[in-house]
Amino acid sequence: MIEIGSRARTLPAPPHVVWNSLVEPHRPETHPWLSLLADEVEPRVLTAQKPSHATWSSLWPSRPHDQIHFTLTASPDGGTLLRFTLLTPDEAPDQSKTGHLRKRLNQLLFADLRYSYGH
């Protein structure tokens, strides 16, 4: 697997809450956060180990073999340090596409998901 990108940021919710958001992004009692673009599809949860790991299938039909791995650890402030790592068994995309994929994951996780917790 080739690493396309990785980033870690803190979220205000504890790991079990973030894990639930990743594994069930459309739970009725939560604020909607997984708003996909026209060229994206709903991810499937490929693996999940509560509350520390989860893996999604690709969001992009044009890159069906990519995977998004999540690692969650408790942060000192009671929140979660969430790391995503975007991996592919295929060839890495060109620089422009790589930038787009990273930007989308940053937006979804560190803006949209964060704001769903009220921050």
C-alpha atoms as a PDB file:
ATOM      1  CA  MET A   1       0.000   0.000   0.000  1.00  0.00           C
ATOM      2  CA  ILE A   2       1.160   3.488  -0.855  1.00  0.00           C
ATOM      3  CA  GLU A   3       0.419   6.327   1.550  1.00  0.00           C
ATOM      4  CA  ILE A   4      -1.249   9.197  -0.289  1.00  0.00           C
ATOM      5  CA  GLY A   5      -1.683  11.390   2.748  1.00  0.00           C
ATOM      6  CA  SER A   6      -1.989  11.484   6.508  1.00  0.00           C
ATOM      7  CA  ARG A   7      -2.980  14.122   9.035  1.00  0.00           C
ATOM      8  CA  ALA A   8      -3.833  14.233  12.710  1.00  0.00           C
ATOM      9  CA  ARG A   9      -5.877  16.856  14.527  1.00  0.00           C
ATOM     10  CA  THR A  10      -7.779  16.984  17.782  1.00  0.00           C
ATOM     11  CA  LEU A  11     -11.549  16.910  17.976  1.00  0.00           C
ATOM     12  CA  PRO A  12     -13.478  18.031  21.072  1.00  0.00           C
ATOM     13  CA  ALA A  13     -15.453  14.793  21.552  1.00  0.00           C
ATOM     14  CA  PRO A  14     -14.040  11.728  23.362  1.00  0.00           C
ATOM     15  CA  PRO A  15     -12.773   8.754  21.305  1.00  0.00           C
ATOM     16  CA  HIS A  16     -15.892   6.587  21.681  1.00  0.00           C
ATOM     17  CA  VAL A  17     -18.085   9.421  20.355  1.00  0.00           C
ATOM     18  CA  VAL A  18     -15.781  10.115  17.383  1.00  0.00           C
ATOM     19  CA  TRP A  19     -15.559   6.384  16.665  1.00  0.00           C
ATOM     20  CA  ASN A  20     -19.371   6.140  16.615  1.00  0.00           C
ATOM     21  CA  SER A  21     -19.499   9.104  14.222  1.00  0.00           C
ATOM     22  CA  LEU A  22     -17.081   7.391  11.847  1.00  0.00           C
ATOM     23  CA  VAL A  23     -18.733   3.971  11.984  1.00  0.00           C
ATOM     24  CA  GLU A  24     -22.312   5.280  11.818  1.00  0.00           C
ATOM     25  CA  PRO A  25     -22.153   8.767  10.278  1.00  0.00           C
ATOM     26  CA  HIS A  26     -25.927   9.017   9.793  1.00  0.00           C
ATOM     27  CA  ARG A  27     -27.088   8.052  13.297  1.00  0.00           C
ATOM     28  CA  PRO A  28     -30.467   9.699  13.946  1.00  0.00           C
ATOM     29  CA  GLU A  29     -29.408  11.348  17.228  1.00  0.00           C
ATOM     30  CA  THR A  30     -26.382  13.109  15.705  1.00  0.00           C
ATOM     31  CA  HIS A  31     -25.925  16.231  13.633  1.00  0.00           C
ATOM     32  CA  PRO A  32     -25.396  15.490   9.925  1.00  0.00           C
ATOM     33  CA  TRP A  33     -21.781  15.929   8.890  1.00  0.00           C
ATOM     34  CA  LEU A  34     -20.941  13.547   6.037  1.00  0.00           C
ATOM     35  CA  SER A  35     -22.004  15.700   3.084  1.00  0.00           C
ATOM     36  CA  LEU A  36     -20.604  14.137  -0.064  1.00  0.00           C
ATOM     37  CA  LEU A  37     -19.849  15.840  -3.357  1.00  0.00           C
ATOM     38  CA  ALA A  38     -21.255  14.669  -6.698  1.00  0.00           C
ATOM     39  CA  ASP A  39     -18.091  12.667  -7.455  1.00  0.00           C
ATOM     40  CA  GLU A  40     -18.128  10.863  -4.073  1.00  0.00           C
ATOM     41  CA  VAL A  41     -19.942   7.821  -2.699  1.00  0.00           C
ATOM     42  CA  GLU A  42     -20.866   6.724   0.802  1.00  0.00           C
ATOM     43  CA  PRO A  43     -17.947   4.872   2.403  1.00  0.00           C
ATOM     44  CA  ARG A  44     -18.325   1.337   3.708  1.00  0.00           C
ATOM     45  CA  VAL A  45     -16.809   0.456   7.063  1.00  0.00           C
ATOM     46  CA  LEU A  46     -14.229  -2.233   6.279  1.00  0.00           C
ATOM     47  CA  THR A  47     -12.867  -2.712   9.805  1.00  0.00           C
ATOM     48  CA  ALA A  48     -13.725  -1.274  13.179  1.00  0.00           C
ATOM     49  CA  GLN A  49     -12.214  -1.780  16.614  1.00  0.00           C
ATOM     50  CA  LYS A  50     -13.939   0.374  19.218  1.00  0.00           C
ATOM     51  CA  PRO A  51     -12.781   2.977  20.157  1.00  0.00           C
ATOM     52  CA  SER A  52      -9.343   3.115  18.566  1.00  0.00           C
ATOM     53  CA  HIS A  53      -9.466   2.114  14.874  1.00  0.00           C
ATOM     54  CA  ALA A  54     -11.706   2.128  11.831  1.00  0.00           C
ATOM     55  CA  THR A  55     -11.184   1.763   8.105  1.00  0.00           C
ATOM     56  CA  TRP A  56     -13.392   3.128   5.342  1.00  0.00           C
ATOM     57  CA  SER A  57     -13.609   2.148   1.716  1.00  0.00           C
ATOM     58  CA  SER A  58     -12.878   4.828  -0.843  1.00  0.00           C
ATOM     59  CA  LEU A  59     -15.131   7.858  -1.187  1.00  0.00           C
ATOM     60  CA  TRP A  60     -14.180   8.143  -4.848  1.00  0.00           C
ATOM     61  CA  PRO A  61     -15.513   5.789  -7.556  1.00  0.00           C
ATOM     62  CA  SER A  62     -12.569   6.826  -9.729  1.00  0.00           C
ATOM     63  CA  ARG A  63     -10.253   5.329  -7.051  1.00  0.00           C
ATOM     64  CA  PRO A  64     -12.185   2.262  -5.858  1.00  0.00           C
ATOM     65  CA  HIS A  65      -9.275   0.489  -4.128  1.00  0.00           C
ATOM     66  CA  ASP A  66      -8.216   3.360  -1.860  1.00  0.00           C
ATOM     67  CA  GLN A  67      -8.802   3.008   1.870  1.00  0.00           C
ATOM     68  CA  ILE A  68      -8.978   5.540   4.682  1.00  0.00           C
ATOM     69  CA  HIS A  69      -7.560   4.291   7.978  1.00  0.00           C
ATOM     70  CA  PHE A  70      -8.465   6.079  11.197  1.00  0.00           C
ATOM     71  CA  THR A  71      -6.596   5.938  14.493  1.00  0.00           C
ATOM     72  CA  LEU A  72      -8.184   7.520  17.549  1.00  0.00           C
ATOM     73  CA  THR A  73      -6.442   8.257  20.831  1.00  0.00           C
ATOM     74  CA  ALA A  74      -7.590  10.209  23.851  1.00  0.00           C
ATOM     75  CA  SER A  75      -6.158  13.715  24.060  1.00  0.00           C
ATOM     76  CA  PRO A  76      -5.250  15.343  27.404  1.00  0.00           C
ATOM     77  CA  ASP A  77      -8.202  17.747  27.183  1.00  0.00           C
ATOM     78  CA  GLY A  78     -10.748  14.902  27.074  1.00  0.00           C
ATOM     79  CA  GLY A  79     -11.128  15.025  23.311  1.00  0.00           C
ATOM     80  CA  THR A  80      -9.702  12.825  20.584  1.00  0.00           C
ATOM     81  CA  LEU A  81      -6.563  12.928  18.494  1.00  0.00           C
ATOM     82  CA  LEU A  82      -7.885  11.635  15.161  1.00  0.00           C
ATOM     83  CA  ARG A  83      -5.410  10.570  12.479  1.00  0.00           C
ATOM     84  CA  PHE A  84      -6.486   9.630   8.978  1.00  0.00           C
ATOM     85  CA  THR A  85      -4.167   7.843   6.587  1.00  0.00           C
ATOM     86  CA  LEU A  86      -5.211   7.537   2.957  1.00  0.00           C
ATOM     87  CA  LEU A  87      -3.717   4.419   1.369  1.00  0.00           C
ATOM     88  CA  THR A  88      -3.873   2.826  -2.059  1.00  0.00           C
ATOM     89  CA  PRO A  89      -2.686  -0.481  -3.537  1.00  0.00           C
ATOM     90  CA  ASP A  90      -2.730   1.230  -6.938  1.00  0.00           C
ATOM     91  CA  GLU A  91      -0.506   3.939  -8.338  1.00  0.00           C
ATOM     92  CA  ALA A  92      -0.488   7.187  -6.430  1.00  0.00           C
ATOM     93  CA  PRO A  93      -2.588   9.884  -8.107  1.00  0.00           C
ATOM     94  CA  ASP A  94      -0.977  12.956  -9.652  1.00  0.00           C
ATOM     95  CA  GLN A  95      -0.222  15.935  -7.430  1.00  0.00           C
ATOM     96  CA  SER A  96      -3.451  17.765  -8.249  1.00  0.00           C
ATOM     97  CA  LYS A  97      -5.676  14.766  -7.449  1.00  0.00           C
ATOM     98  CA  THR A  98      -3.670  14.015  -4.301  1.00  0.00           C
ATOM     99  CA  GLY A  99      -4.250  17.576  -3.113  1.00  0.00           C
ATOM    100  CA  HIS A 100      -7.977  17.276  -3.783  1.00  0.00           C
ATOM    101  CA  LEU A 101      -8.303  13.982  -1.851  1.00  0.00           C
ATOM    102  CA  ARG A 102      -6.404  15.329   1.153  1.00  0.00           C
ATOM    103  CA  LYS A 103      -8.385  18.569   1.148  1.00  0.00           C
ATOM    104  CA  ARG A 104     -11.692  16.711   1.078  1.00  0.00           C
ATOM    105  CA  LEU A 105     -10.749  14.497   4.020  1.00  0.00           C
ATOM    106  CA  ASN A 106      -9.540  17.527   5.959  1.00  0.00           C
ATOM    107  CA  GLN A 107     -12.851  19.286   5.268  1.00  0.00           C
ATOM    108  CA  LEU A 108     -15.012  16.305   6.178  1.00  0.00           C
ATOM    109  CA  LEU A 109     -13.148  15.352   9.348  1.00  0.00           C
ATOM    110  CA  PHE A 110     -11.586  18.483  10.775  1.00  0.00           C
ATOM    111  CA  ALA A 111     -14.303  20.948   9.818  1.00  0.00           C
ATOM    112  CA  ASP A 112     -17.639  19.197   9.189  1.00  0.00           C
ATOM    113  CA  LEU A 113     -17.257  16.468  11.826  1.00  0.00           C
ATOM    114  CA  ARG A 114     -15.774  18.958  14.330  1.00  0.00           C
ATOM    115  CA  TYR A 115     -18.684  21.350  13.819  1.00  0.00           C
ATOM    116  CA  SER A 116     -21.166  18.506  14.338  1.00  0.00           C
ATOM    117  CA  TYR A 117     -19.970  18.439  17.963  1.00  0.00           C
ATOM    118  CA  GLY A 118     -20.808  22.118  18.358  1.00  0.00           C
ATOM    119  CA  HIS A 119     -17.263  23.484  17.982  1.00  0.00           C
END
